[in-house]
């Protein structure tokens, strides 16, 4: 449950930061305020991601947050900014979604207490 909550929070933060970035990029008057806002929001997202790494396999967490965030942003941009994807772009979205499914389904169930890399002596 904690994992799903952190992922949902990350998606929300990431989507807001990206929306601010796009809005600022389209408006000269709002460029600096949106730049600052998107970076402040983005730092919060990084904090949430670091919390997620404590409760989830790092590879899976990275795939789910970055890949899933990308998919969500594509749909948000399409809705908010009336941007349309081509057929081949929709195929790319499907490939990314398939990859996310594979990453989640293939995740090892055990989560080590410490995700830090081990020294050569500790691995032996």
N, C-alpha and C. Protein backbone atom coordinates (compact mmCIF):
# COMPACT_ATOMS: atom_id res chain seq x y z
N UNK A 1 0.82 -1.20 0.00
CA UNK A 1 0.00 0.00 0.00
C UNK A 1 0.87 1.27 0.00
N UNK A 2 1.96 1.23 0.78
CA UNK A 2 2.84 2.39 0.83
C UNK A 2 3.46 2.65 -0.55
N UNK A 3 3.80 1.56 -1.25
CA UNK A 3 4.38 1.72 -2.58
C UNK A 3 3.41 2.43 -3.52
N UNK A 4 2.17 1.98 -3.54
CA UNK A 4 1.18 2.58 -4.44
C UNK A 4 0.93 4.04 -4.09
N UNK A 5 0.91 4.36 -2.81
CA UNK A 5 0.72 5.75 -2.39
C UNK A 5 1.87 6.62 -2.86
N UNK A 6 3.10 6.14 -2.67
CA UNK A 6 4.27 6.91 -3.09
C UNK A 6 4.30 7.09 -4.61
N UNK A 7 3.93 6.04 -5.34
CA UNK A 7 3.90 6.13 -6.81
C UNK A 7 2.85 7.14 -7.25
N UNK A 8 1.67 7.09 -6.65
CA UNK A 8 0.61 8.04 -7.00
C UNK A 8 1.02 9.48 -6.68
N UNK A 9 1.65 9.68 -5.53
CA UNK A 9 2.12 11.02 -5.16
C UNK A 9 3.17 11.49 -6.16
N UNK A 10 4.10 10.61 -6.52
CA UNK A 10 5.13 10.97 -7.49
C UNK A 10 4.50 11.36 -8.83
N UNK A 11 3.54 10.58 -9.30
CA UNK A 11 2.89 10.89 -10.57
C UNK A 11 2.22 12.27 -10.51
N UNK A 12 1.55 12.57 -9.41
CA UNK A 12 0.89 13.86 -9.27
C UNK A 12 1.89 15.01 -9.28
N UNK A 13 2.96 14.86 -8.51
CA UNK A 13 4.00 15.89 -8.44
C UNK A 13 4.65 16.08 -9.80
N UNK A 14 5.02 14.98 -10.43
CA UNK A 14 5.69 15.03 -11.73
C UNK A 14 4.80 15.68 -12.79
N UNK A 15 3.53 15.37 -12.77
CA UNK A 15 2.60 15.94 -13.75
C UNK A 15 2.44 17.44 -13.54
N UNK A 16 2.34 17.87 -12.28
CA UNK A 16 2.22 19.31 -11.99
C UNK A 16 3.49 20.05 -12.42
N UNK A 17 4.64 19.48 -12.12
CA UNK A 17 5.91 20.12 -12.51
C UNK A 17 6.01 20.23 -14.02
N UNK A 18 5.61 19.19 -14.73
CA UNK A 18 5.70 19.23 -16.18
C UNK A 18 4.71 20.23 -16.77
N UNK A 19 3.49 20.28 -16.22
CA UNK A 19 2.50 21.24 -16.70
C UNK A 19 3.01 22.68 -16.53
N UNK A 20 3.64 22.95 -15.38
CA UNK A 20 4.21 24.28 -15.15
C UNK A 20 5.32 24.56 -16.16
N UNK A 21 6.13 23.57 -16.46
CA UNK A 21 7.22 23.73 -17.43
C UNK A 21 6.66 24.06 -18.82
N UNK A 22 5.65 23.32 -19.24
CA UNK A 22 5.06 23.56 -20.57
C UNK A 22 4.39 24.93 -20.61
N UNK A 23 3.63 25.26 -19.57
CA UNK A 23 2.95 26.56 -19.55
C UNK A 23 3.97 27.70 -19.60
N UNK A 24 5.03 27.60 -18.81
CA UNK A 24 6.07 28.63 -18.82
C UNK A 24 6.79 28.71 -20.14
N UNK A 25 6.99 27.57 -20.79
CA UNK A 25 7.66 27.55 -22.08
C UNK A 25 6.85 28.19 -23.18
N UNK A 26 5.53 28.25 -23.01
CA UNK A 26 4.66 28.84 -24.02
C UNK A 26 4.35 30.31 -23.75
N UNK A 27 4.79 30.82 -22.59
CA UNK A 27 4.46 32.20 -22.23
C UNK A 27 5.71 32.93 -21.75
N UNK A 28 6.10 33.97 -22.47
CA UNK A 28 7.27 34.74 -22.06
C UNK A 28 7.06 35.40 -20.71
N UNK A 29 5.86 35.87 -20.43
CA UNK A 29 5.58 36.56 -19.18
C UNK A 29 5.66 35.61 -17.98
N UNK A 30 5.37 34.35 -18.19
CA UNK A 30 5.35 33.38 -17.09
C UNK A 30 6.57 32.47 -17.07
N UNK A 31 7.56 32.72 -17.93
CA UNK A 31 8.70 31.82 -18.04
C UNK A 31 9.41 31.64 -16.71
N UNK A 32 9.87 32.72 -16.07
CA UNK A 32 10.62 32.60 -14.81
C UNK A 32 9.79 32.05 -13.66
N UNK A 33 8.57 32.55 -13.42
CA UNK A 33 7.78 31.97 -12.32
C UNK A 33 7.52 30.48 -12.52
N UNK A 34 7.23 30.08 -13.74
CA UNK A 34 6.98 28.65 -14.00
C UNK A 34 8.26 27.83 -13.90
N UNK A 35 9.38 28.41 -14.32
CA UNK A 35 10.66 27.73 -14.19
C UNK A 35 10.97 27.44 -12.72
N UNK A 36 10.82 28.45 -11.88
CA UNK A 36 11.08 28.29 -10.45
C UNK A 36 10.09 27.29 -9.84
N UNK A 37 8.81 27.44 -10.16
CA UNK A 37 7.78 26.55 -9.61
C UNK A 37 8.02 25.10 -10.01
N UNK A 38 8.33 24.87 -11.28
CA UNK A 38 8.53 23.49 -11.72
C UNK A 38 9.76 22.86 -11.07
N UNK A 39 10.78 23.65 -10.80
CA UNK A 39 11.97 23.12 -10.12
C UNK A 39 11.71 22.83 -8.65
N UNK A 40 10.96 23.68 -7.98
CA UNK A 40 10.62 23.43 -6.57
C UNK A 40 9.76 22.17 -6.48
N UNK A 41 8.77 22.07 -7.34
CA UNK A 41 7.93 20.87 -7.36
C UNK A 41 8.76 19.64 -7.71
N UNK A 42 9.66 19.78 -8.67
CA UNK A 42 10.51 18.66 -9.09
C UNK A 42 11.40 18.15 -7.98
N UNK A 43 11.92 19.05 -7.13
CA UNK A 43 12.73 18.60 -5.99
C UNK A 43 11.90 17.76 -5.02
N UNK A 44 10.66 18.13 -4.84
CA UNK A 44 9.77 17.34 -3.99
C UNK A 44 9.57 15.95 -4.58
N UNK A 45 9.43 15.88 -5.89
CA UNK A 45 9.29 14.60 -6.56
C UNK A 45 10.52 13.72 -6.37
N UNK A 46 11.69 14.32 -6.38
CA UNK A 46 12.92 13.56 -6.14
C UNK A 46 12.93 12.99 -4.73
N UNK A 47 12.47 13.77 -3.77
CA UNK A 47 12.38 13.29 -2.38
C UNK A 47 11.46 12.08 -2.29
N UNK A 48 10.29 12.16 -2.95
CA UNK A 48 9.34 11.03 -2.94
C UNK A 48 9.97 9.81 -3.60
N UNK A 49 10.68 10.01 -4.71
CA UNK A 49 11.34 8.91 -5.40
C UNK A 49 12.37 8.23 -4.49
N UNK A 50 13.11 9.02 -3.75
CA UNK A 50 14.10 8.44 -2.82
C UNK A 50 13.41 7.64 -1.72
N UNK A 51 12.24 8.06 -1.28
CA UNK A 51 11.47 7.29 -0.29
C UNK A 51 10.99 5.97 -0.91
N UNK A 52 10.60 6.04 -2.17
CA UNK A 52 10.12 4.84 -2.87
C UNK A 52 11.23 3.81 -3.01
N UNK A 53 12.46 4.26 -3.20
CA UNK A 53 13.59 3.33 -3.32
C UNK A 53 13.79 2.51 -2.05
N UNK A 54 13.32 3.00 -0.93
CA UNK A 54 13.47 2.25 0.33
C UNK A 54 12.49 1.09 0.43
N UNK A 55 11.38 1.15 -0.30
CA UNK A 55 10.34 0.12 -0.17
C UNK A 55 10.13 -0.68 -1.45
N UNK A 56 10.92 -0.41 -2.47
CA UNK A 56 10.71 -1.06 -3.76
C UNK A 56 12.05 -1.29 -4.45
N UNK A 57 12.15 -2.33 -5.23
CA UNK A 57 13.34 -2.60 -6.03
C UNK A 57 13.66 -1.35 -6.86
N UNK A 58 14.90 -0.93 -6.85
CA UNK A 58 15.31 0.31 -7.51
C UNK A 58 15.02 0.27 -9.01
N UNK A 59 15.33 -0.82 -9.67
CA UNK A 59 15.08 -0.92 -11.12
C UNK A 59 13.60 -0.79 -11.43
N UNK A 60 12.78 -1.49 -10.67
CA UNK A 60 11.34 -1.44 -10.91
C UNK A 60 10.78 -0.07 -10.59
N UNK A 61 11.21 0.50 -9.47
CA UNK A 61 10.73 1.84 -9.09
C UNK A 61 11.09 2.87 -10.15
N UNK A 62 12.29 2.80 -10.68
CA UNK A 62 12.71 3.74 -11.71
C UNK A 62 11.88 3.56 -12.98
N UNK A 63 11.67 2.32 -13.38
CA UNK A 63 10.87 2.06 -14.58
C UNK A 63 9.43 2.54 -14.41
N UNK A 64 8.85 2.24 -13.26
CA UNK A 64 7.45 2.61 -13.02
C UNK A 64 7.29 4.12 -12.94
N UNK A 65 8.19 4.80 -12.23
CA UNK A 65 8.03 6.24 -12.08
C UNK A 65 8.35 7.00 -13.36
N UNK A 66 9.45 6.66 -14.00
CA UNK A 66 9.81 7.39 -15.21
C UNK A 66 8.94 6.99 -16.41
N UNK A 67 8.77 5.69 -16.62
CA UNK A 67 7.94 5.24 -17.74
C UNK A 67 6.47 5.58 -17.54
N UNK A 68 5.97 5.31 -16.34
CA UNK A 68 4.57 5.63 -16.06
C UNK A 68 4.32 7.12 -16.07
N UNK A 69 5.28 7.88 -15.52
CA UNK A 69 5.16 9.34 -15.56
C UNK A 69 5.12 9.86 -16.98
N UNK A 70 5.95 9.29 -17.84
CA UNK A 70 5.95 9.67 -19.25
C UNK A 70 4.58 9.42 -19.88
N UNK A 71 4.00 8.26 -19.62
CA UNK A 71 2.70 7.94 -20.19
C UNK A 71 1.61 8.89 -19.69
N UNK A 72 1.62 9.17 -18.40
CA UNK A 72 0.63 10.09 -17.84
C UNK A 72 0.79 11.48 -18.45
N UNK A 73 2.03 11.93 -18.56
CA UNK A 73 2.28 13.27 -19.12
C UNK A 73 1.79 13.35 -20.56
N UNK A 74 1.97 12.29 -21.34
CA UNK A 74 1.49 12.31 -22.73
C UNK A 74 -0.02 12.55 -22.79
N UNK A 75 -0.76 11.90 -21.89
CA UNK A 75 -2.21 12.07 -21.90
C UNK A 75 -2.62 13.43 -21.33
N UNK A 76 -1.92 13.91 -20.32
CA UNK A 76 -2.22 15.23 -19.75
C UNK A 76 -1.95 16.33 -20.78
N UNK A 77 -0.82 16.24 -21.46
CA UNK A 77 -0.49 17.23 -22.49
C UNK A 77 -1.53 17.20 -23.61
N UNK A 78 -1.95 16.01 -23.99
CA UNK A 78 -2.97 15.89 -25.04
C UNK A 78 -4.27 16.57 -24.60
N UNK A 79 -4.62 16.41 -23.32
CA UNK A 79 -5.87 17.01 -22.84
C UNK A 79 -5.75 18.52 -22.61
N UNK A 80 -4.69 18.94 -21.92
CA UNK A 80 -4.56 20.35 -21.55
C UNK A 80 -4.17 21.24 -22.72
N UNK A 81 -3.28 20.76 -23.56
CA UNK A 81 -2.73 21.61 -24.61
C UNK A 81 -3.20 21.20 -26.01
N UNK A 82 -4.18 20.33 -26.08
CA UNK A 82 -4.77 19.90 -27.36
C UNK A 82 -3.72 19.38 -28.33
N UNK A 83 -2.75 18.65 -27.80
CA UNK A 83 -1.70 18.07 -28.61
C UNK A 83 -2.15 16.67 -29.04
N UNK A 84 -1.95 16.34 -30.27
CA UNK A 84 -2.38 15.04 -30.80
C UNK A 84 -1.18 14.18 -31.15
N UNK A 85 -1.29 12.88 -30.88
CA UNK A 85 -0.24 11.94 -31.23
C UNK A 85 -0.57 11.27 -32.56
N UNK A 86 0.47 10.89 -33.28
CA UNK A 86 0.27 10.15 -34.53
C UNK A 86 0.11 8.66 -34.21
N UNK A 87 -0.22 7.88 -35.19
CA UNK A 87 -0.40 6.44 -35.01
C UNK A 87 0.89 5.79 -34.50
N UNK A 88 2.01 6.16 -35.07
CA UNK A 88 3.28 5.58 -34.66
C UNK A 88 3.64 5.99 -33.23
N UNK A 89 3.25 7.21 -32.84
CA UNK A 89 3.48 7.64 -31.46
C UNK A 89 2.61 6.84 -30.48
N UNK A 90 1.38 6.57 -30.87
CA UNK A 90 0.54 5.71 -30.03
C UNK A 90 1.14 4.30 -29.91
N UNK A 91 1.75 3.82 -30.99
CA UNK A 91 2.43 2.53 -30.93
C UNK A 91 3.58 2.59 -29.92
N UNK A 92 4.32 3.69 -29.91
CA UNK A 92 5.39 3.87 -28.93
C UNK A 92 4.87 3.88 -27.51
N UNK A 93 3.74 4.52 -27.28
CA UNK A 93 3.11 4.52 -25.96
C UNK A 93 2.75 3.09 -25.55
N UNK A 94 2.24 2.32 -26.48
CA UNK A 94 1.89 0.92 -26.20
C UNK A 94 3.13 0.10 -25.87
N UNK A 95 4.22 0.33 -26.57
CA UNK A 95 5.47 -0.39 -26.29
C UNK A 95 5.97 -0.04 -24.88
N UNK A 96 5.92 1.23 -24.52
CA UNK A 96 6.36 1.65 -23.18
C UNK A 96 5.47 1.02 -22.11
N UNK A 97 4.17 1.03 -22.33
CA UNK A 97 3.25 0.42 -21.37
C UNK A 97 3.53 -1.08 -21.23
N UNK A 98 3.83 -1.74 -22.34
CA UNK A 98 4.17 -3.17 -22.30
C UNK A 98 5.45 -3.40 -21.50
N UNK A 99 6.43 -2.54 -21.70
CA UNK A 99 7.68 -2.64 -20.94
C UNK A 99 7.46 -2.44 -19.45
N UNK A 100 6.61 -1.51 -19.09
CA UNK A 100 6.27 -1.30 -17.68
C UNK A 100 5.63 -2.55 -17.08
N UNK A 101 4.70 -3.13 -17.84
CA UNK A 101 4.05 -4.35 -17.38
C UNK A 101 5.08 -5.45 -17.13
N UNK A 102 6.01 -5.61 -18.05
CA UNK A 102 7.06 -6.63 -17.89
C UNK A 102 7.94 -6.34 -16.68
N UNK A 103 8.31 -5.09 -16.46
CA UNK A 103 9.14 -4.73 -15.31
C UNK A 103 8.44 -5.06 -13.99
N UNK A 104 7.16 -4.73 -13.90
CA UNK A 104 6.42 -4.97 -12.66
C UNK A 104 6.19 -6.46 -12.45
N UNK A 105 5.82 -7.18 -13.50
CA UNK A 105 5.55 -8.62 -13.37
C UNK A 105 6.82 -9.40 -13.05
N UNK A 106 7.96 -8.91 -13.52
CA UNK A 106 9.21 -9.62 -13.31
C UNK A 106 9.94 -9.23 -12.03
N UNK A 107 9.35 -8.33 -11.25
CA UNK A 107 10.03 -7.86 -10.03
C UNK A 107 10.20 -8.99 -9.03
N UNK A 108 11.38 -9.05 -8.45
CA UNK A 108 11.63 -10.01 -7.39
C UNK A 108 10.88 -9.54 -6.15
N UNK A 109 10.28 -10.46 -5.44
CA UNK A 109 9.44 -10.10 -4.30
C UNK A 109 10.23 -9.62 -3.09
N UNK A 110 11.43 -10.13 -2.91
CA UNK A 110 12.20 -9.70 -1.75
C UNK A 110 12.82 -8.34 -2.01
N UNK A 111 12.80 -7.52 -1.00
CA UNK A 111 13.42 -6.20 -1.07
C UNK A 111 14.52 -6.17 -0.02
N UNK A 112 15.77 -6.00 -0.44
CA UNK A 112 16.84 -5.98 0.54
C UNK A 112 16.69 -4.80 1.49
N UNK A 113 17.14 -5.00 2.74
CA UNK A 113 17.07 -3.93 3.73
C UNK A 113 17.94 -2.76 3.32
N UNK A 114 19.00 -3.04 2.62
CA UNK A 114 19.94 -2.00 2.25
C UNK A 114 20.21 -2.10 0.76
N UNK A 115 19.80 -1.10 0.01
CA UNK A 115 19.99 -1.11 -1.45
C UNK A 115 21.34 -0.57 -1.88
N UNK A 116 22.22 -0.28 -0.94
CA UNK A 116 23.52 0.26 -1.32
C UNK A 116 24.39 -0.82 -1.94
N UNK A 117 25.21 -0.46 -2.91
CA UNK A 117 26.09 -1.45 -3.54
C UNK A 117 27.06 -2.03 -2.53
N UNK A 118 27.34 -3.28 -2.67
CA UNK A 118 28.27 -3.99 -1.76
C UNK A 118 29.69 -3.91 -2.30
N UNK A 119 30.64 -3.96 -1.40
CA UNK A 119 32.04 -3.99 -1.81
C UNK A 119 32.36 -5.38 -2.37
N UNK A 120 33.50 -5.51 -3.03
CA UNK A 120 33.91 -6.80 -3.59
C UNK A 120 34.00 -7.87 -2.50
N UNK A 121 34.50 -7.51 -1.33
CA UNK A 121 34.64 -8.50 -0.24
C UNK A 121 33.30 -8.96 0.29
N UNK A 122 32.32 -8.06 0.37
CA UNK A 122 31.00 -8.43 0.87
C UNK A 122 30.24 -9.30 -0.11
N UNK A 123 30.52 -9.14 -1.42
CA UNK A 123 29.84 -9.95 -2.43
C UNK A 123 30.36 -11.38 -2.46
N UNK A 124 31.60 -11.59 -2.04
CA UNK A 124 32.22 -12.92 -2.10
C UNK A 124 31.71 -13.85 -1.05
